[in-house]
PDB file of all heavy atoms in Angstrom:
ATOM      1  N   SER A   1      -5.547   0.566 -12.220  1.00  0.00           N
ATOM      2  CA  SER A   1      -4.801  -0.668 -11.973  1.00  0.00           C
ATOM      3  C   SER A   1      -3.314  -0.554 -12.211  1.00  0.00           C
ATOM      4  O   SER A   1      -2.554  -1.371 -11.733  1.00  0.00           O
ATOM      5  CB  SER A   1      -5.350  -1.787 -12.861  1.00  0.00           C
ATOM      6  OG  SER A   1      -5.178  -1.458 -14.216  1.00  0.00           O
ATOM      7  N   ASN A   2      -2.865   0.482 -12.932  1.00  0.00           N
ATOM      8  CA  ASN A   2      -1.441   0.545 -13.267  1.00  0.00           C
ATOM      9  C   ASN A   2      -0.787   1.868 -12.931  1.00  0.00           C
ATOM     10  O   ASN A   2       0.338   1.898 -12.452  1.00  0.00           O
ATOM     11  CB  ASN A   2      -1.247   0.271 -14.762  1.00  0.00           C
ATOM     12  CG  ASN A   2      -1.677  -1.138 -15.104  1.00  0.00           C
ATOM     13  OD1 ASN A   2      -1.159  -2.092 -14.583  1.00  0.00           O
ATOM     14  ND2 ASN A   2      -2.657  -1.251 -15.978  1.00  0.00           N
ATOM     15  N   ALA A   3      -1.469   2.985 -13.189  1.00  0.00           N
ATOM     16  CA  ALA A   3      -0.808   4.276 -13.057  1.00  0.00           C
ATOM     17  C   ALA A   3      -0.415   4.567 -11.623  1.00  0.00           C
ATOM     18  O   ALA A   3       0.489   5.325 -11.372  1.00  0.00           O
ATOM     19  CB  ALA A   3      -1.726   5.391 -13.566  1.00  0.00           C
ATOM     20  N   GLN A   4      -1.102   3.956 -10.651  1.00  0.00           N
ATOM     21  CA  GLN A   4      -0.790   4.216  -9.265  1.00  0.00           C
ATOM     22  C   GLN A   4       0.283   3.280  -8.723  1.00  0.00           C
ATOM     23  O   GLN A   4       0.551   3.265  -7.548  1.00  0.00           O
ATOM     24  CB  GLN A   4      -2.067   4.082  -8.431  1.00  0.00           C
ATOM     25  CG  GLN A   4      -3.107   5.144  -8.754  1.00  0.00           C
ATOM     26  CD  GLN A   4      -2.602   6.531  -8.468  1.00  0.00           C
ATOM     27  OE1 GLN A   4      -2.004   6.789  -7.439  1.00  0.00           O
ATOM     28  NE2 GLN A   4      -2.832   7.454  -9.371  1.00  0.00           N
ATOM     29  N   CYS A   5       0.857   2.434  -9.581  1.00  0.00           N
ATOM     30  CA  CYS A   5       1.875   1.491  -9.119  1.00  0.00           C
ATOM     31  C   CYS A   5       3.196   1.773  -9.805  1.00  0.00           C
ATOM     32  O   CYS A   5       3.230   2.249 -10.927  1.00  0.00           O
ATOM     33  CB  CYS A   5       1.459   0.051  -9.421  1.00  0.00           C
ATOM     34  SG  CYS A   5      -0.002  -0.470  -8.490  1.00  0.00           S
ATOM     35  N   GLU A   6       4.260   1.455  -9.134  1.00  0.00           N
ATOM     36  CA  GLU A   6       5.568   1.575  -9.752  1.00  0.00           C
ATOM     37  C   GLU A   6       6.417   0.409  -9.274  1.00  0.00           C
ATOM     38  O   GLU A   6       6.217  -0.136  -8.195  1.00  0.00           O
ATOM     39  CB  GLU A   6       6.223   2.905  -9.406  1.00  0.00           C
ATOM     40  CG  GLU A   6       6.341   3.174  -7.922  1.00  0.00           C
ATOM     41  CD  GLU A   6       6.857   4.566  -7.662  1.00  0.00           C
ATOM     42  OE1 GLU A   6       6.526   5.479  -8.426  1.00  0.00           O
ATOM     43  OE2 GLU A   6       7.596   4.729  -6.685  1.00  0.00           O
ATOM     44  N   THR A   7       7.360  -0.001 -10.094  1.00  0.00           N
ATOM     45  CA  THR A   7       8.196  -1.143  -9.772  1.00  0.00           C
ATOM     46  C   THR A   7       9.501  -0.668  -9.160  1.00  0.00           C
ATOM     47  O   THR A   7      10.182   0.172  -9.724  1.00  0.00           O
ATOM     48  CB  THR A   7       8.488  -1.944 -11.050  1.00  0.00           C
ATOM     49  OG1 THR A   7       7.252  -2.297 -11.647  1.00  0.00           O
ATOM     50  CG2 THR A   7       9.274  -3.195 -10.724  1.00  0.00           C
ATOM     51  N   ASN A   8       9.832  -1.226  -7.998  1.00  0.00           N
ATOM     52  CA  ASN A   8      11.103  -0.850  -7.394  1.00  0.00           C
ATOM     53  C   ASN A   8      12.211  -1.768  -7.898  1.00  0.00           C
ATOM     54  O   ASN A   8      11.989  -2.617  -8.748  1.00  0.00           O
ATOM     55  CB  ASN A   8      10.995  -0.861  -5.855  1.00  0.00           C
ATOM     56  CG  ASN A   8      10.572  -2.226  -5.339  1.00  0.00           C
ATOM     57  OD1 ASN A   8      10.821  -3.238  -5.980  1.00  0.00           O
ATOM     58  ND2 ASN A   8       9.936  -2.252  -4.175  1.00  0.00           N
ATOM     59  N   ILE A   9      13.430  -1.615  -7.374  1.00  0.00           N
ATOM     60  CA  ILE A   9      14.583  -2.319  -7.918  1.00  0.00           C
ATOM     61  C   ILE A   9      14.435  -3.827  -7.783  1.00  0.00           C
ATOM     62  O   ILE A   9      14.847  -4.588  -8.643  1.00  0.00           O
ATOM     63  CB  ILE A   9      15.868  -1.845  -7.203  1.00  0.00           C
ATOM     64  CG1 ILE A   9      16.100  -0.365  -7.508  1.00  0.00           C
ATOM     65  CG2 ILE A   9      17.078  -2.665  -7.613  1.00  0.00           C
ATOM     66  CD1 ILE A   9      17.268   0.222  -6.784  1.00  0.00           C
ATOM     67  N   THR A  10      13.804  -4.294  -6.704  1.00  0.00           N
ATOM     68  CA  THR A  10      13.682  -5.733  -6.495  1.00  0.00           C
ATOM     69  C   THR A  10      12.495  -6.326  -7.218  1.00  0.00           C
ATOM     70  O   THR A  10      12.258  -7.516  -7.138  1.00  0.00           O
ATOM     71  CB  THR A  10      13.538  -6.030  -4.990  1.00  0.00           C
ATOM     72  OG1 THR A  10      12.353  -5.392  -4.507  1.00  0.00           O
ATOM     73  CG2 THR A  10      14.738  -5.526  -4.223  1.00  0.00           C
ATOM     74  N   GLY A  11      11.731  -5.502  -7.931  1.00  0.00           N
ATOM     75  CA  GLY A  11      10.603  -6.017  -8.687  1.00  0.00           C
ATOM     76  C   GLY A  11       9.332  -6.123  -7.865  1.00  0.00           C
ATOM     77  O   GLY A  11       8.323  -6.612  -8.341  1.00  0.00           O
ATOM     78  N   GLN A  12       9.354  -5.684  -6.598  1.00  0.00           N
ATOM     79  CA  GLN A  12       8.156  -5.742  -5.789  1.00  0.00           C
ATOM     80  C   GLN A  12       7.253  -4.584  -6.147  1.00  0.00           C
ATOM     81  O   GLN A  12       7.701  -3.511  -6.506  1.00  0.00           O
ATOM     82  CB  GLN A  12       8.514  -5.671  -4.301  1.00  0.00           C
ATOM     83  CG  GLN A  12       9.355  -6.870  -3.834  1.00  0.00           C
ATOM     84  CD  GLN A  12       9.796  -6.691  -2.404  1.00  0.00           C
ATOM     85  OE1 GLN A  12       9.911  -5.569  -1.925  1.00  0.00           O
ATOM     86  NE2 GLN A  12      10.047  -7.795  -1.724  1.00  0.00           N
ATOM     87  N   ILE A  13       5.964  -4.812  -6.034  1.00  0.00           N
ATOM     88  CA  ILE A  13       4.996  -3.773  -6.374  1.00  0.00           C
ATOM     89  C   ILE A  13       4.521  -3.105  -5.110  1.00  0.00           C
ATOM     90  O   ILE A  13       4.113  -3.753  -4.152  1.00  0.00           O
ATOM     91  CB  ILE A  13       3.792  -4.373  -7.119  1.00  0.00           C
ATOM     92  CG1 ILE A  13       4.261  -5.079  -8.380  1.00  0.00           C
ATOM     93  CG2 ILE A  13       2.774  -3.313  -7.472  1.00  0.00           C
ATOM     94  CD1 ILE A  13       4.931  -4.174  -9.377  1.00  0.00           C
ATOM     95  N   THR A  14       4.572  -1.769  -5.109  1.00  0.00           N
ATOM     96  CA  THR A  14       4.040  -0.982  -4.008  1.00  0.00           C
ATOM     97  C   THR A  14       3.035  -0.008  -4.559  1.00  0.00           C
ATOM     98  O   THR A  14       3.009   0.263  -5.748  1.00  0.00           O
ATOM     99  CB  THR A  14       5.165  -0.205  -3.287  1.00  0.00           C
ATOM    100  OG1 THR A  14       5.794   0.664  -4.233  1.00  0.00           O
ATOM    101  CG2 THR A  14       6.208  -1.163  -2.722  1.00  0.00           C
ATOM    102  N   ASN A  15       2.195   0.542  -3.704  1.00  0.00           N
ATOM    103  CA  ASN A  15       1.220   1.511  -4.203  1.00  0.00           C
ATOM    104  C   ASN A  15       1.849   2.880  -4.283  1.00  0.00           C
ATOM    105  O   ASN A  15       3.014   3.074  -3.938  1.00  0.00           O
ATOM    106  CB  ASN A  15      -0.045   1.519  -3.328  1.00  0.00           C
ATOM    107  CG  ASN A  15       0.244   1.901  -1.874  1.00  0.00           C
ATOM    108  OD1 ASN A  15       1.210   2.587  -1.594  1.00  0.00           O
ATOM    109  ND2 ASN A  15      -0.595   1.433  -0.967  1.00  0.00           N
ATOM    110  N   ALA A  16       1.067   3.879  -4.759  1.00  0.00           N
ATOM    111  CA  ALA A  16       1.635   5.194  -5.052  1.00  0.00           C
ATOM    112  C   ALA A  16       2.184   5.865  -3.807  1.00  0.00           C
ATOM    113  O   ALA A  16       3.089   6.667  -3.885  1.00  0.00           O
ATOM    114  CB  ALA A  16       0.577   6.080  -5.702  1.00  0.00           C
ATOM    115  N   ASN A  17       1.595   5.579  -2.633  1.00  0.00           N
ATOM    116  CA  ASN A  17       2.041   6.210  -1.417  1.00  0.00           C
ATOM    117  C   ASN A  17       3.040   5.340  -0.659  1.00  0.00           C
ATOM    118  O   ASN A  17       3.344   5.588   0.492  1.00  0.00           O
ATOM    119  CB  ASN A  17       0.830   6.502  -0.521  1.00  0.00           C
ATOM    120  CG  ASN A  17      -0.111   7.478  -1.174  1.00  0.00           C
ATOM    121  OD1 ASN A  17       0.330   8.438  -1.786  1.00  0.00           O
ATOM    122  ND2 ASN A  17      -1.416   7.236  -1.069  1.00  0.00           N
ATOM    123  N   ASN A  18       3.557   4.253  -1.326  1.00  0.00           N
ATOM    124  CA  ASN A  18       4.542   3.366  -0.734  1.00  0.00           C
ATOM    125  C   ASN A  18       4.068   2.747   0.579  1.00  0.00           C
ATOM    126  O   ASN A  18       4.828   2.578   1.519  1.00  0.00           O
ATOM    127  CB  ASN A  18       5.865   4.111  -0.501  1.00  0.00           C
ATOM    128  CG  ASN A  18       6.510   4.510  -1.799  1.00  0.00           C
ATOM    129  OD1 ASN A  18       6.491   3.764  -2.769  1.00  0.00           O
ATOM    130  ND2 ASN A  18       7.079   5.710  -1.833  1.00  0.00           N
ATOM    131  N   LYS A  19       2.798   2.424   0.674  1.00  0.00           N
ATOM    132  CA  LYS A  19       2.253   1.776   1.858  1.00  0.00           C
ATOM    133  C   LYS A  19       2.395   0.273   1.693  1.00  0.00           C
ATOM    134  O   LYS A  19       2.036  -0.287   0.673  1.00  0.00           O
ATOM    135  CB  LYS A  19       0.786   2.154   2.068  1.00  0.00           C
ATOM    136  CG  LYS A  19       0.545   3.622   2.376  1.00  0.00           C
ATOM    137  CD  LYS A  19      -0.918   3.839   2.698  1.00  0.00           C
ATOM    138  CE  LYS A  19      -1.197   5.311   3.016  1.00  0.00           C
ATOM    139  NZ  LYS A  19      -1.058   6.156   1.882  1.00  0.00           N
ATOM    140  N   SER A  20       2.879  -0.389   2.729  1.00  0.00           N
ATOM    141  CA  SER A  20       2.964  -1.837   2.709  1.00  0.00           C
ATOM    142  C   SER A  20       1.604  -2.426   3.031  1.00  0.00           C
ATOM    143  O   SER A  20       0.650  -1.716   3.386  1.00  0.00           O
ATOM    144  CB  SER A  20       3.998  -2.301   3.736  1.00  0.00           C
ATOM    145  OG  SER A  20       3.555  -1.970   5.060  1.00  0.00           O
ATOM    146  N   LEU A  21       1.521  -3.754   2.939  1.00  0.00           N
ATOM    147  CA  LEU A  21       0.270  -4.414   3.299  1.00  0.00           C
ATOM    148  C   LEU A  21      -0.050  -4.214   4.773  1.00  0.00           C
ATOM    149  O   LEU A  21      -1.212  -4.068   5.151  1.00  0.00           O
ATOM    150  CB  LEU A  21       0.378  -5.906   2.964  1.00  0.00           C
ATOM    151  CG  LEU A  21       0.426  -6.259   1.473  1.00  0.00           C
ATOM    152  CD1 LEU A  21       0.588  -7.755   1.296  1.00  0.00           C
ATOM    153  CD2 LEU A  21      -0.838  -5.776   0.771  1.00  0.00           C
ATOM    154  N   TRP A  22       0.996  -4.204   5.603  1.00  0.00           N
ATOM    155  CA  TRP A  22       0.760  -3.961   7.029  1.00  0.00           C
ATOM    156  C   TRP A  22       0.235  -2.547   7.260  1.00  0.00           C
ATOM    157  O   TRP A  22      -0.652  -2.336   8.108  1.00  0.00           O
ATOM    158  CB  TRP A  22       2.054  -4.180   7.828  1.00  0.00           C
ATOM    159  CG  TRP A  22       2.309  -5.619   8.151  1.00  0.00           C
ATOM    160  CD1 TRP A  22       3.292  -6.415   7.653  1.00  0.00           C
ATOM    161  CD2 TRP A  22       1.532  -6.451   9.024  1.00  0.00           C
ATOM    162  NE1 TRP A  22       3.198  -7.691   8.155  1.00  0.00           N
ATOM    163  CE2 TRP A  22       2.127  -7.744   9.006  1.00  0.00           C
ATOM    164  CE3 TRP A  22       0.422  -6.232   9.816  1.00  0.00           C
ATOM    165  CZ2 TRP A  22       1.621  -8.805   9.760  1.00  0.00           C
ATOM    166  CZ3 TRP A  22      -0.080  -7.300  10.570  1.00  0.00           C
ATOM    167  CH2 TRP A  22       0.517  -8.572  10.533  1.00  0.00           C
ATOM    168  N   GLY A  23       0.796  -1.596   6.521  1.00  0.00           N
ATOM    169  CA  GLY A  23       0.290  -0.222   6.652  1.00  0.00           C
ATOM    170  C   GLY A  23      -1.156  -0.115   6.245  1.00  0.00           C
ATOM    171  O   GLY A  23      -1.966   0.566   6.900  1.00  0.00           O
ATOM    172  N   THR A  24      -1.527  -0.803   5.162  1.00  0.00           N
ATOM    173  CA  THR A  24      -2.918  -0.811   4.716  1.00  0.00           C
ATOM    174  C   THR A  24      -3.810  -1.476   5.756  1.00  0.00           C
ATOM    175  O   THR A  24      -4.929  -1.019   6.039  1.00  0.00           O
ATOM    176  CB  THR A  24      -3.038  -1.546   3.371  1.00  0.00           C
ATOM    177  OG1 THR A  24      -2.164  -0.934   2.421  1.00  0.00           O
ATOM    178  CG2 THR A  24      -4.467  -1.490   2.848  1.00  0.00           C
ATOM    179  N   PHE A  25      -3.316  -2.580   6.362  1.00  0.00           N
ATOM    180  CA  PHE A  25      -4.091  -3.271   7.394  1.00  0.00           C
ATOM    181  C   PHE A  25      -4.332  -2.358   8.594  1.00  0.00           C
ATOM    182  O   PHE A  25      -5.450  -2.291   9.136  1.00  0.00           O
ATOM    183  CB  PHE A  25      -3.351  -4.536   7.833  1.00  0.00           C
ATOM    184  CG  PHE A  25      -3.959  -5.215   9.034  1.00  0.00           C
ATOM    185  CD1 PHE A  25      -5.093  -6.002   8.895  1.00  0.00           C
ATOM    186  CD2 PHE A  25      -3.418  -5.043  10.299  1.00  0.00           C
ATOM    187  CE1 PHE A  25      -5.662  -6.620  10.005  1.00  0.00           C
ATOM    188  CE2 PHE A  25      -3.981  -5.643  11.405  1.00  0.00           C
ATOM    189  CZ  PHE A  25      -5.112  -6.442  11.257  1.00  0.00           C
ATOM    190  N   ILE A  26      -3.283  -1.659   9.039  1.00  0.00           N
ATOM    191  CA  ILE A  26      -3.420  -0.769  10.200  1.00  0.00           C
ATOM    192  C   ILE A  26      -4.414   0.350   9.913  1.00  0.00           C
ATOM    193  O   ILE A  26      -5.266   0.694  10.748  1.00  0.00           O
ATOM    194  CB  ILE A  26      -2.043  -0.204  10.601  1.00  0.00           C
ATOM    195  CG1 ILE A  26      -1.150  -1.339  11.126  1.00  0.00           C
ATOM    196  CG2 ILE A  26      -2.186   0.889  11.650  1.00  0.00           C
ATOM    197  CD1 ILE A  26       0.288  -0.926  11.369  1.00  0.00           C
ATOM    198  N   LEU A  27      -4.322   0.928   8.702  1.00  0.00           N
ATOM    199  CA  LEU A  27      -5.271   1.986   8.349  1.00  0.00           C
ATOM    200  C   LEU A  27      -6.698   1.454   8.304  1.00  0.00           C
ATOM    201  O   LEU A  27      -7.641   2.114   8.742  1.00  0.00           O
ATOM    202  CB  LEU A  27      -4.894   2.583   6.985  1.00  0.00           C
ATOM    203  CG  LEU A  27      -3.636   3.447   6.954  1.00  0.00           C
ATOM    204  CD1 LEU A  27      -3.349   3.906   5.537  1.00  0.00           C
ATOM    205  CD2 LEU A  27      -3.798   4.661   7.864  1.00  0.00           C
ATOM    206  N   GLY A  28      -6.863   0.229   7.781  1.00  0.00           N
ATOM    207  CA  GLY A  28      -8.201  -0.366   7.758  1.00  0.00           C
ATOM    208  C   GLY A  28      -8.718  -0.633   9.153  1.00  0.00           C
ATOM    209  O   GLY A  28      -9.911  -0.447   9.437  1.00  0.00           O
ATOM    210  N   PHE A  29      -7.817  -1.077  10.059  1.00  0.00           N
ATOM    211  CA  PHE A  29      -8.219  -1.336  11.446  1.00  0.00           C
ATOM    212  C   PHE A  29      -8.658  -0.038  12.134  1.00  0.00           C
ATOM    213  O   PHE A  29      -9.675  -0.001  12.838  1.00  0.00           O
ATOM    214  CB  PHE A  29      -7.050  -1.978  12.194  1.00  0.00           C
ATOM    215  CG  PHE A  29      -7.365  -2.336  13.623  1.00  0.00           C
ATOM    216  CD1 PHE A  29      -8.114  -3.465  13.917  1.00  0.00           C
ATOM    217  CD2 PHE A  29      -6.915  -1.536  14.660  1.00  0.00           C
ATOM    218  CE1 PHE A  29      -8.412  -3.792  15.233  1.00  0.00           C
ATOM    219  CE2 PHE A  29      -7.210  -1.855  15.978  1.00  0.00           C
ATOM    220  CZ  PHE A  29      -7.964  -2.989  16.270  1.00  0.00           C
ATOM    221  N   ILE A  30      -7.882   1.033  11.919  1.00  0.00           N
ATOM    222  CA  ILE A  30      -8.250   2.329  12.510  1.00  0.00           C
ATOM    223  C   ILE A  30      -9.587   2.813  11.943  1.00  0.00           C
ATOM    224  O   ILE A  30     -10.444   3.331  12.668  1.00  0.00           O
ATOM    225  CB  ILE A  30      -7.129   3.361  12.248  1.00  0.00           C
ATOM    226  CG1 ILE A  30      -5.852   2.951  12.988  1.00  0.00           C
ATOM    227  CG2 ILE A  30      -7.569   4.757  12.678  1.00  0.00           C
ATOM    228  CD1 ILE A  30      -4.650   3.825  12.661  1.00  0.00           C
ATOM    229  N   GLY A  31      -9.772   2.607  10.621  1.00  0.00           N
ATOM    230  CA  GLY A  31     -11.044   2.990  10.015  1.00  0.00           C
ATOM    231  C   GLY A  31     -12.200   2.213  10.609  1.00  0.00           C
ATOM    232  O   GLY A  31     -13.302   2.750  10.802  1.00  0.00           O
ATOM    233  N   GLY A  32     -11.972   0.924  10.928  1.00  0.00           N
ATOM    234  CA  GLY A  32     -13.031   0.134  11.561  1.00  0.00           C
ATOM    235  C   GLY A  32     -13.390   0.652  12.939  1.00  0.00           C
ATOM    236  O   GLY A  32     -14.566   0.681  13.326  1.00  0.00           O
ATOM    237  N   LEU A  33     -12.364   1.058  13.722  1.00  0.00           N
ATOM    238  CA  LEU A  33     -12.642   1.633  15.045  1.00  0.00           C
ATOM    239  C   LEU A  33     -13.441   2.920  14.932  1.00  0.00           C
ATOM    240  O   LEU A  33     -14.372   3.168  15.723  1.00  0.00           O
ATOM    241  CB  LEU A  33     -11.328   1.890  15.785  1.00  0.00           C
ATOM    242  CG  LEU A  33     -10.506   0.645  16.175  1.00  0.00           C
ATOM    243  CD1 LEU A  33      -9.213   1.073  16.857  1.00  0.00           C
ATOM    244  CD2 LEU A  33     -11.314  -0.267  17.078  1.00  0.00           C
ATOM    245  N   ILE A  34     -13.087   3.747  13.943  1.00  0.00           N
ATOM    246  CA  ILE A  34     -13.850   4.983  13.735  1.00  0.00           C
ATOM    247  C   ILE A  34     -15.285   4.653  13.324  1.00  0.00           C
ATOM    248  O   ILE A  34     -16.240   5.315  13.729  1.00  0.00           O
ATOM    249  CB  ILE A  34     -13.155   5.853  12.669  1.00  0.00           C
ATOM    250  CG1 ILE A  34     -11.781   6.299  13.163  1.00  0.00           C
ATOM    251  CG2 ILE A  34     -14.007   7.061  12.313  1.00  0.00           C
ATOM    252  CD1 ILE A  34     -10.958   7.058  12.130  1.00  0.00           C
TER     253      ILE A  34
END
Protein backbone atom coordinates (compact mmCIF):
# COMPACT_ATOMS: atom_id res chain seq x y z
CA SER A 1 0.00 0.00 0.00
CA ASN A 2 2.89 2.43 0.46
CA ALA A 3 6.26 1.28 -0.83
CA GLN A 4 5.08 1.35 -4.43
CA CYS A 5 3.89 4.97 -4.19
CA GLU A 6 5.77 8.21 -4.09
CA THR A 7 4.62 11.79 -3.68
CA ASN A 8 5.43 14.26 -6.41
CA ILE A 9 5.87 18.02 -5.98
CA THR A 10 2.15 18.79 -6.29
CA GLY A 11 1.22 16.17 -3.72
CA GLN A 12 -0.49 13.89 -6.23
CA ILE A 13 -0.03 10.17 -5.79
CA THR A 14 1.21 8.06 -8.68
CA ASN A 15 2.14 4.41 -8.79
CA ALA A 16 5.70 3.09 -9.03
CA ASN A 17 5.65 3.01 -12.83
CA ASN A 18 4.13 6.54 -13.04
CA LYS A 19 1.00 5.25 -14.78
CA SER A 20 -2.01 7.54 -14.71
CA LEU A 21 -5.55 6.33 -14.22
CA TRP A 22 -6.07 6.58 -17.96
CA GLY A 23 -3.00 4.45 -18.55
CA THR A 24 -4.32 1.85 -16.12
CA PHE A 25 -7.72 1.95 -17.86
CA ILE A 26 -6.15 1.42 -21.30
CA LEU A 27 -4.07 -1.49 -20.04
CA GLY A 28 -7.17 -3.03 -18.45
CA PHE A 29 -9.11 -2.58 -21.70
CA ILE A 30 -6.34 -4.27 -23.70
CA GLY A 31 -6.25 -7.08 -21.13
CA GLY A 32 -10.00 -7.53 -21.57
CA LEU A 33 -9.61 -7.84 -25.35
CA ILE A 34 -6.91 -10.46 -24.85
